[in-house]
PDB file of N, CA and C in Angstrom:
ATOM      1  N   MET A   1     -12.233   9.857 -30.736  1.00  0.00           N
ATOM      2  CA  MET A   1     -12.745  10.460 -29.616  1.00  0.00           C
ATOM      3  C   MET A   1     -11.393  11.169 -28.966  1.00  0.00           C
ATOM      4  N   GLU A   2     -11.355  11.822 -28.031  1.00  0.00           N
ATOM      5  CA  GLU A   2      -9.817  12.154 -27.219  1.00  0.00           C
ATOM      6  C   GLU A   2     -10.609  11.660 -26.003  1.00  0.00           C
ATOM      7  N   ARG A   3      -9.071  10.981 -25.225  1.00  0.00           N
ATOM      8  CA  ARG A   3      -9.228  10.542 -24.042  1.00  0.00           C
ATOM      9  C   ARG A   3      -8.493  11.732 -22.625  1.00  0.00           C
ATOM     10  N   GLU A   4      -8.997  12.238 -21.715  1.00  0.00           N
ATOM     11  CA  GLU A   4      -8.621  13.004 -21.291  1.00  0.00           C
ATOM     12  C   GLU A   4      -8.539  12.109 -19.785  1.00  0.00           C
ATOM     13  N   ASP A   5      -7.383  12.530 -19.406  1.00  0.00           N
ATOM     14  CA  ASP A   5      -6.399  11.402 -18.356  1.00  0.00           C
ATOM     15  C   ASP A   5      -6.329  13.101 -17.481  1.00  0.00           C
ATOM     16  N   LYS A   6      -7.036  12.835 -15.715  1.00  0.00           N
ATOM     17  CA  LYS A   6      -6.984  13.741 -15.665  1.00  0.00           C
ATOM     18  C   LYS A   6      -5.964  12.972 -14.198  1.00  0.00           C
ATOM     19  N   ALA A   7      -4.732  13.613 -13.161  1.00  0.00           N
ATOM     20  CA  ALA A   7      -3.897  12.948 -12.299  1.00  0.00           C
ATOM     21  C   ALA A   7      -4.801  13.014 -10.796  1.00  0.00           C
ATOM     22  N   VAL A   8      -5.001  11.225 -10.372  1.00  0.00           N
ATOM     23  CA  VAL A   8      -5.792  11.074  -9.293  1.00  0.00           C
ATOM     24  C   VAL A   8      -4.680  11.238  -7.725  1.00  0.00           C
ATOM     25  N   ASP A   9      -4.913  11.601  -6.877  1.00  0.00           N
ATOM     26  CA  ASP A   9      -5.210  11.287  -5.846  1.00  0.00           C
ATOM     27  C   ASP A   9      -4.827  10.372  -5.495  1.00  0.00           C
ATOM     28  N   TYR A  10      -3.546   9.033  -4.931  1.00  0.00           N
ATOM     29  CA  TYR A  10      -3.906   8.115  -4.657  1.00  0.00           C
ATOM     30  C   TYR A  10      -4.239   8.027  -3.467  1.00  0.00           C
ATOM     31  N   PHE A  11      -3.588   8.402  -2.552  1.00  0.00           N
ATOM     32  CA  PHE A  11      -4.518   8.679  -1.129  1.00  0.00           C
ATOM     33  C   PHE A  11      -5.722   8.713  -1.273  1.00  0.00           C
ATOM     34  N   GLU A  12      -6.701   9.405  -1.770  1.00  0.00           N
ATOM     35  CA  GLU A  12      -8.386   9.903  -1.529  1.00  0.00           C
ATOM     36  C   GLU A  12      -8.870   8.644  -2.337  1.00  0.00           C
ATOM     37  N   THR A  13      -7.744   7.709  -2.860  1.00  0.00           N
ATOM     38  CA  THR A  13      -9.024   6.439  -3.494  1.00  0.00           C
ATOM     39  C   THR A  13      -9.739   5.235  -2.530  1.00  0.00           C
ATOM     40  N   ASP A  14     -10.732   4.633  -3.452  1.00  0.00           N
ATOM     41  CA  ASP A  14     -10.990   4.209  -2.406  1.00  0.00           C
ATOM     42  C   ASP A  14      -9.961   2.308  -1.982  1.00  0.00           C
ATOM     43  N   LEU A  15      -9.120   2.575  -3.201  1.00  0.00           N
ATOM     44  CA  LEU A  15      -8.382   0.876  -3.505  1.00  0.00           C
ATOM     45  C   LEU A  15      -7.193   1.833  -2.452  1.00  0.00           C
ATOM     46  N   HIS A  16      -6.757   2.914  -2.025  1.00  0.00           N
ATOM     47  CA  HIS A  16      -6.156   2.537  -1.185  1.00  0.00           C
ATOM     48  C   HIS A  16      -6.523   2.881   0.515  1.00  0.00           C
ATOM     49  N   LYS A  17      -8.029   3.121   0.249  1.00  0.00           N
ATOM     50  CA  LYS A  17      -8.593   3.012   1.752  1.00  0.00           C
ATOM     51  C   LYS A  17      -8.211   1.422   2.240  1.00  0.00           C
ATOM     52  N   LYS A  18      -8.585   0.769   1.035  1.00  0.00           N
ATOM     53  CA  LYS A  18      -9.175  -0.055   1.042  1.00  0.00           C
ATOM     54  C   LYS A  18      -7.632  -1.368   0.902  1.00  0.00           C
ATOM     55  N   VAL A  19      -6.855  -0.889   1.054  1.00  0.00           N
ATOM     56  CA  VAL A  19      -5.164  -1.483   1.032  1.00  0.00           C
ATOM     57  C   VAL A  19      -4.149  -1.157   2.553  1.00  0.00           C
ATOM     58  N   ALA A  20      -4.498   0.293   2.552  1.00  0.00           N
ATOM     59  CA  ALA A  20      -4.382   0.953   4.083  1.00  0.00           C
ATOM     60  C   ALA A  20      -5.010  -0.282   5.152  1.00  0.00           C
ATOM     61  N   ALA A  21      -6.232  -0.294   5.398  1.00  0.00           N
ATOM     62  CA  ALA A  21      -7.268  -1.093   5.949  1.00  0.00           C
ATOM     63  C   ALA A  21      -6.926  -1.922   6.236  1.00  0.00           C
ATOM     64  N   THR A  22      -5.276  -2.587   5.799  1.00  0.00           N
ATOM     65  CA  THR A  22      -5.677  -4.220   6.151  1.00  0.00           C
ATOM     66  C   THR A  22      -4.121  -4.184   5.916  1.00  0.00           C
ATOM     67  N   MET A  23      -3.557  -3.293   6.062  1.00  0.00           N
ATOM     68  CA  MET A  23      -1.992  -2.944   6.222  1.00  0.00           C
ATOM     69  C   MET A  23      -1.530  -3.326   7.663  1.00  0.00           C
ATOM     70  N   ALA A  24      -0.927  -4.037   8.550  1.00  0.00           N
ATOM     71  CA  ALA A  24      -0.169  -4.187   9.363  1.00  0.00           C
ATOM     72  C   ALA A  24       1.508  -2.717   9.752  1.00  0.00           C
ATOM     73  N   PRO A  25       0.975  -2.356  10.766  1.00  0.00           N
ATOM     74  CA  PRO A  25       2.154  -1.159  11.039  1.00  0.00           C
ATOM     75  C   PRO A  25       3.431  -1.683  10.468  1.00  0.00           C
ATOM     76  N   GLY A  26       3.692  -2.890  10.670  1.00  0.00           N
ATOM     77  CA  GLY A  26       5.564  -3.327  10.260  1.00  0.00           C
ATOM     78  C   GLY A  26       5.341  -3.163   8.796  1.00  0.00           C
ATOM     79  N   LEU A  27       3.626  -3.585   7.968  1.00  0.00           N
ATOM     80  CA  LEU A  27       4.118  -3.507   6.968  1.00  0.00           C
ATOM     81  C   LEU A  27       3.866  -1.938   7.211  1.00  0.00           C
ATOM     82  N   TRP A  28       3.725  -1.107   6.993  1.00  0.00           N
ATOM     83  CA  TRP A  28       3.197   0.616   6.490  1.00  0.00           C
ATOM     84  C   TRP A  28       5.171   0.620   6.399  1.00  0.00           C
ATOM     85  N   LEU A  29       5.875  -0.055   7.376  1.00  0.00           N
ATOM     86  CA  LEU A  29       7.264   0.748   7.718  1.00  0.00           C
ATOM     87  C   LEU A  29       7.655   0.143   6.682  1.00  0.00           C
ATOM     88  N   LYS A  30       8.002  -1.235   6.201  1.00  0.00           N
ATOM     89  CA  LYS A  30       8.241  -1.807   5.276  1.00  0.00           C
ATOM     90  C   LYS A  30       8.374  -0.672   4.162  1.00  0.00           C
ATOM     91  N   HIS A  31       7.696  -0.396   3.509  1.00  0.00           N
ATOM     92  CA  HIS A  31       6.913   0.047   2.931  1.00  0.00           C
ATOM     93  C   HIS A  31       7.015   1.499   2.068  1.00  0.00           C
ATOM     94  N   LEU A  32       6.664   2.346   3.761  1.00  0.00           N
ATOM     95  CA  LEU A  32       7.441   3.355   3.283  1.00  0.00           C
ATOM     96  C   LEU A  32       9.291   3.990   3.700  1.00  0.00           C
ATOM     97  N   ARG A  33       9.767   2.760   3.862  1.00  0.00           N
ATOM     98  CA  ARG A  33      11.218   1.924   4.281  1.00  0.00           C
ATOM     99  C   ARG A  33      11.879   2.808   2.401  1.00  0.00           C
ATOM    100  N   GLU A  34      11.214   1.417   2.525  1.00  0.00           N
ATOM    101  CA  GLU A  34      11.969   1.059   0.373  1.00  0.00           C
ATOM    102  C   GLU A  34      11.495   1.422  -0.431  1.00  0.00           C
ATOM    103  N   ALA A  35      10.465   2.836  -0.269  1.00  0.00           N
ATOM    104  CA  ALA A  35      10.233   3.144  -0.853  1.00  0.00           C
ATOM    105  C   ALA A  35      10.392   5.029  -1.136  1.00  0.00           C
ATOM    106  N   HIS A  36      11.439   5.109  -0.370  1.00  0.00           N
ATOM    107  CA  HIS A  36      12.430   5.904   0.132  1.00  0.00           C
ATOM    108  C   HIS A  36      13.959   5.514   0.065  1.00  0.00           C
ATOM    109  N   SER A  37      14.183   4.203  -0.779  1.00  0.00           N
ATOM    110  CA  SER A  37      15.585   3.372  -1.006  1.00  0.00           C
ATOM    111  C   SER A  37      16.330   3.548   0.291  1.00  0.00           C
ATOM    112  N   LEU A  38      15.450   3.598   1.483  1.00  0.00           N
ATOM    113  CA  LEU A  38      16.275   3.496   3.124  1.00  0.00           C
ATOM    114  C   LEU A  38      16.724   2.172   3.105  1.00  0.00           C
ATOM    115  N   SER A  39      18.099   1.514   3.500  1.00  0.00           N
ATOM    116  CA  SER A  39      18.140   0.498   4.378  1.00  0.00           C
ATOM    117  C   SER A  39      18.111   0.413   5.959  1.00  0.00           C
ATOM    118  N   GLN A  40      17.713  -0.873   6.387  1.00  0.00           N
ATOM    119  CA  GLN A  40      17.142  -1.129   7.973  1.00  0.00           C
ATOM    120  C   GLN A  40      18.089  -0.645   8.746  1.00  0.00           C
ATOM    121  N   ALA A  41      19.744  -0.301   8.625  1.00  0.00           N
ATOM    122  CA  ALA A  41      20.212   0.212   9.130  1.00  0.00           C
ATOM    123  C   ALA A  41      20.282   1.988   8.941  1.00  0.00           C
ATOM    124  N   GLU A  42      19.554   2.610   7.944  1.00  0.00           N
ATOM    125  CA  GLU A  42      19.653   3.645   7.349  1.00  0.00           C
ATOM    126  C   GLU A  42      18.749   4.349   8.145  1.00  0.00           C
ATOM    127  N   LEU A  43      17.793   3.658   7.977  1.00  0.00           N
ATOM    128  CA  LEU A  43      16.333   4.292   8.678  1.00  0.00           C
ATOM    129  C   LEU A  43      16.634   4.136  10.184  1.00  0.00           C
ATOM    130  N   GLY A  44      17.575   3.166  10.569  1.00  0.00           N
ATOM    131  CA  GLY A  44      17.623   3.494  12.330  1.00  0.00           C
ATOM    132  C   GLY A  44      18.670   4.615  12.232  1.00  0.00           C
ATOM    133  N   VAL A  45      19.381   4.895  12.036  1.00  0.00           N
ATOM    134  CA  VAL A  45      20.354   5.714  11.597  1.00  0.00           C
ATOM    135  C   VAL A  45      19.357   7.428  12.525  1.00  0.00           C
ATOM    136  N   LYS A  46      18.749   7.492  11.009  1.00  0.00           N
ATOM    137  CA  LYS A  46      17.760   9.047  10.685  1.00  0.00           C
ATOM    138  C   LYS A  46      16.788   9.145  11.727  1.00  0.00           C
ATOM    139  N   ILE A  47      16.169   7.705  12.297  1.00  0.00           N
ATOM    140  CA  ILE A  47      15.083   8.105  13.797  1.00  0.00           C
ATOM    141  C   ILE A  47      15.920   8.194  15.329  1.00  0.00           C
ATOM    142  N   GLY A  48      17.176   7.898  14.981  1.00  0.00           N
ATOM    143  CA  GLY A  48      17.834   7.906  16.043  1.00  0.00           C
ATOM    144  C   GLY A  48      18.246   7.215  16.894  1.00  0.00           C
ATOM    145  N   ALA A  49      19.533   6.764  16.101  1.00  0.00           N
ATOM    146  CA  ALA A  49      20.347   5.565  16.487  1.00  0.00           C
ATOM    147  C   ALA A  49      19.642   4.792  17.149  1.00  0.00           C
ATOM    148  N   VAL A  50      18.959   3.769  16.064  1.00  0.00           N
ATOM    149  CA  VAL A  50      17.826   2.881  16.730  1.00  0.00           C
ATOM    150  C   VAL A  50      18.824   1.214  15.623  1.00  0.00           C
ATOM    151  N   LYS A  51      19.007   0.581  16.278  1.00  0.00           N
ATOM    152  CA  LYS A  51      20.054  -0.575  15.457  1.00  0.00           C
ATOM    153  C   LYS A  51      19.169  -1.161  14.605  1.00  0.00           C
ATOM    154  N   ALA A  52      19.716  -2.055  12.959  1.00  0.00           N
ATOM    155  CA  ALA A  52      19.064  -2.334  12.080  1.00  0.00           C
ATOM    156  C   ALA A  52      18.017  -3.663  12.495  1.00  0.00           C
ATOM    157  N   SER A  53      18.331  -4.327  13.776  1.00  0.00           N
ATOM    158  CA  SER A  53      17.496  -5.444  13.483  1.00  0.00           C
ATOM    159  C   SER A  53      16.439  -5.247  14.538  1.00  0.00           C
ATOM    160  N   ARG A  54      15.950  -4.127  14.994  1.00  0.00           N
ATOM    161  CA  ARG A  54      15.178  -3.526  15.435  1.00  0.00           C
ATOM    162  C   ARG A  54      14.151  -3.082  14.655  1.00  0.00           C
ATOM    163  N   VAL A  55      14.339  -2.299  13.451  1.00  0.00           N
ATOM    164  CA  VAL A  55      14.089  -2.099  12.734  1.00  0.00           C
ATOM    165  C   VAL A  55      13.702  -3.139  11.853  1.00  0.00           C
ATOM    166  N   SER A  56      13.726  -3.938  11.623  1.00  0.00           N
ATOM    167  CA  SER A  56      13.770  -5.097  11.124  1.00  0.00           C
ATOM    168  C   SER A  56      12.618  -6.147  12.502  1.00  0.00           C
ATOM    169  N   ASP A  57      12.581  -6.135  13.772  1.00  0.00           N
ATOM    170  CA  ASP A  57      11.171  -6.635  14.654  1.00  0.00           C
ATOM    171  C   ASP A  57      10.117  -5.949  14.504  1.00  0.00           C
ATOM    172  N   TRP A  58      10.322  -4.824  13.994  1.00  0.00           N
ATOM    173  CA  TRP A  58       9.373  -3.335  14.063  1.00  0.00           C
ATOM    174  C   TRP A  58       8.293  -3.619  12.442  1.00  0.00           C
ATOM    175  N   GLU A  59       9.372  -3.867  11.225  1.00  0.00           N
ATOM    176  CA  GLU A  59       8.948  -4.982  10.615  1.00  0.00           C
ATOM    177  C   GLU A  59       8.454  -6.324  10.388  1.00  0.00           C
ATOM    178  N   ASN A  60       8.143  -7.219  10.953  1.00  0.00           N
ATOM    179  CA  ASN A  60       8.049  -8.214  11.291  1.00  0.00           C
ATOM    180  C   ASN A  60       6.688  -8.468  12.314  1.00  0.00           C
ATOM    181  N   ASN A  61       6.477  -7.186  12.997  1.00  0.00           N
ATOM    182  CA  ASN A  61       5.465  -7.325  13.820  1.00  0.00           C
ATOM    183  C   ASN A  61       5.980  -7.687  14.898  1.00  0.00           C
ATOM    184  N   GLN A  62       7.263  -8.481  15.455  1.00  0.00           N
ATOM    185  CA  GLN A  62       7.210  -9.308  16.349  1.00  0.00           C
ATOM    186  C   GLN A  62       8.125  -8.114  17.679  1.00  0.00           C
ATOM    187  N   ARG A  63       8.049  -6.273  17.653  1.00  0.00           N
ATOM    188  CA  ARG A  63       8.280  -5.882  18.695  1.00  0.00           C
ATOM    189  C   ARG A  63       7.356  -4.500  18.280  1.00  0.00           C
ATOM    190  N   ALA A  64       7.052  -4.116  19.641  1.00  0.00           N
ATOM    191  CA  ALA A  64       5.912  -2.841  19.324  1.00  0.00           C
ATOM    192  C   ALA A  64       7.013  -1.986  19.114  1.00  0.00           C
ATOM    193  N   VAL A  65       6.606  -0.607  18.370  1.00  0.00           N
ATOM    194  CA  VAL A  65       7.198   0.620  18.239  1.00  0.00           C
ATOM    195  C   VAL A  65       6.831   1.255  19.098  1.00  0.00           C
ATOM    196  N   SER A  66       7.395   2.197  19.767  1.00  0.00           N
ATOM    197  CA  SER A  66       6.905   3.164  21.186  1.00  0.00           C
ATOM    198  C   SER A  66       6.988   4.792  20.492  1.00  0.00           C
ATOM    199  N   LYS A  67       6.274   5.059  21.235  1.00  0.00           N
ATOM    200  CA  LYS A  67       5.387   6.516  21.411  1.00  0.00           C
ATOM    201  C   LYS A  67       6.263   7.478  20.234  1.00  0.00           C
ATOM    202  N   GLU A  68       7.411   7.779  21.017  1.00  0.00           N
ATOM    203  CA  GLU A  68       8.652   8.038  20.220  1.00  0.00           C
ATOM    204  C   GLU A  68       9.526   7.733  18.554  1.00  0.00           C
ATOM    205  N   ALA A  69       9.585   6.699  18.927  1.00  0.00           N
ATOM    206  CA  ALA A  69       9.594   6.150  17.610  1.00  0.00           C
ATOM    207  C   ALA A  69       8.660   5.897  16.733  1.00  0.00           C
ATOM    208  N   ALA A  70       7.731   5.785  17.054  1.00  0.00           N
ATOM    209  CA  ALA A  70       6.902   5.986  15.718  1.00  0.00           C
ATOM    210  C   ALA A  70       6.222   7.981  15.518  1.00  0.00           C
ATOM    211  N   LYS A  71       6.621   8.711  16.458  1.00  0.00           N
ATOM    212  CA  LYS A  71       6.194   9.851  16.319  1.00  0.00           C
ATOM    213  C   LYS A  71       7.814  10.608  15.358  1.00  0.00           C
ATOM    214  N   SER A  72       8.394   9.709  15.288  1.00  0.00           N
ATOM    215  CA  SER A  72      10.342  10.349  14.052  1.00  0.00           C
ATOM    216  C   SER A  72       9.742   9.878  12.992  1.00  0.00           C
ATOM    217  N   GLN A  73       9.105   8.652  12.820  1.00  0.00           N
ATOM    218  CA  GLN A  73       9.142   7.184  11.554  1.00  0.00           C
ATOM    219  C   GLN A  73       8.422   8.543  10.999  1.00  0.00           C
ATOM    220  N   ALA A  74       7.042   8.901  11.797  1.00  0.00           N
ATOM    221  CA  ALA A  74       5.927   9.828  11.027  1.00  0.00           C
ATOM    222  C   ALA A  74       6.090  11.243  10.404  1.00  0.00           C
ATOM    223  N   LYS A  75       7.014  11.592  11.337  1.00  0.00           N
ATOM    224  CA  LYS A  75       8.154  12.543  10.732  1.00  0.00           C
ATOM    225  C   LYS A  75       8.799  12.705   9.465  1.00  0.00           C
ATOM    226  N   LEU A  76       9.239  11.319   9.563  1.00  0.00           N
ATOM    227  CA  LEU A  76      10.512  10.922   8.174  1.00  0.00           C
ATOM    228  C   LEU A  76       9.445  11.108   7.292  1.00  0.00           C
ATOM    229  N   PHE A  77       8.762  10.567   7.716  1.00  0.00           N
ATOM    230  CA  PHE A  77       8.094   9.791   6.088  1.00  0.00           C
ATOM    231  C   PHE A  77       6.509  10.714   5.456  1.00  0.00           C
ATOM    232  N   HIS A  78       6.538  11.832   6.537  1.00  0.00           N
ATOM    233  CA  HIS A  78       5.299  12.587   6.317  1.00  0.00           C
ATOM    234  C   HIS A  78       3.435  11.622   6.399  1.00  0.00           C
ATOM    235  N   VAL A  79       3.532  11.360   7.688  1.00  0.00           N
ATOM    236  CA  VAL A  79       2.690  10.227   7.277  1.00  0.00           C
ATOM    237  C   VAL A  79       2.095  10.143   8.912  1.00  0.00           C
ATOM    238  N   PRO A  80       1.055   9.569   9.147  1.00  0.00           N
ATOM    239  CA  PRO A  80       0.643  10.049  10.709  1.00  0.00           C
ATOM    240  C   PRO A  80       0.970   8.933  11.410  1.00  0.00           C
ATOM    241  N   ALA A  81       1.380   8.977  12.744  1.00  0.00           N
ATOM    242  CA  ALA A  81       2.295   8.434  13.837  1.00  0.00           C
ATOM    243  C   ALA A  81       1.277   7.162  14.117  1.00  0.00           C
ATOM    244  N   ASP A  82       0.486   6.883  13.567  1.00  0.00           N
ATOM    245  CA  ASP A  82      -0.229   5.910  13.943  1.00  0.00           C
ATOM    246  C   ASP A  82      -0.190   4.878  13.441  1.00  0.00           C
ATOM    247  N   ARG A  83       0.175   5.184  12.127  1.00  0.00           N
ATOM    248  CA  ARG A  83       0.345   3.907  11.362  1.00  0.00           C
ATOM    249  C   ARG A  83       1.450   2.775  11.345  1.00  0.00           C
ATOM    250  N   PHE A  84       2.217   3.376  13.026  1.00  0.00           N
ATOM    251  CA  PHE A  84       3.473   2.845  13.079  1.00  0.00           C
ATOM    252  C   PHE A  84       2.832   1.613  14.237  1.00  0.00           C
ATOM    253  N   ILE A  85       1.812   2.147  15.078  1.00  0.00           N
ATOM    254  CA  ILE A  85       1.311   1.550  16.055  1.00  0.00           C
ATOM    255  C   ILE A  85       0.152   0.937  16.153  1.00  0.00           C
TER     256      ILE A  85
END
């Protein structure tokens, strides 16, 4: 019997929805940054002269992300800004 594999859009799966619901904003940022092979310093430069220590604070949920920074991150990673707030 031949098996037919079909490509599945991960972002439409129940698994993605379950995982997404449990991820804090900082974890989203870290996940996306690492998926794009960016250091914290490189991400800071790309979103507008933000220090690596600030990115670290965001990723560890020690500091809230401003609306402007969330918009910059959303544009860079092609995701909704509310992922970072």
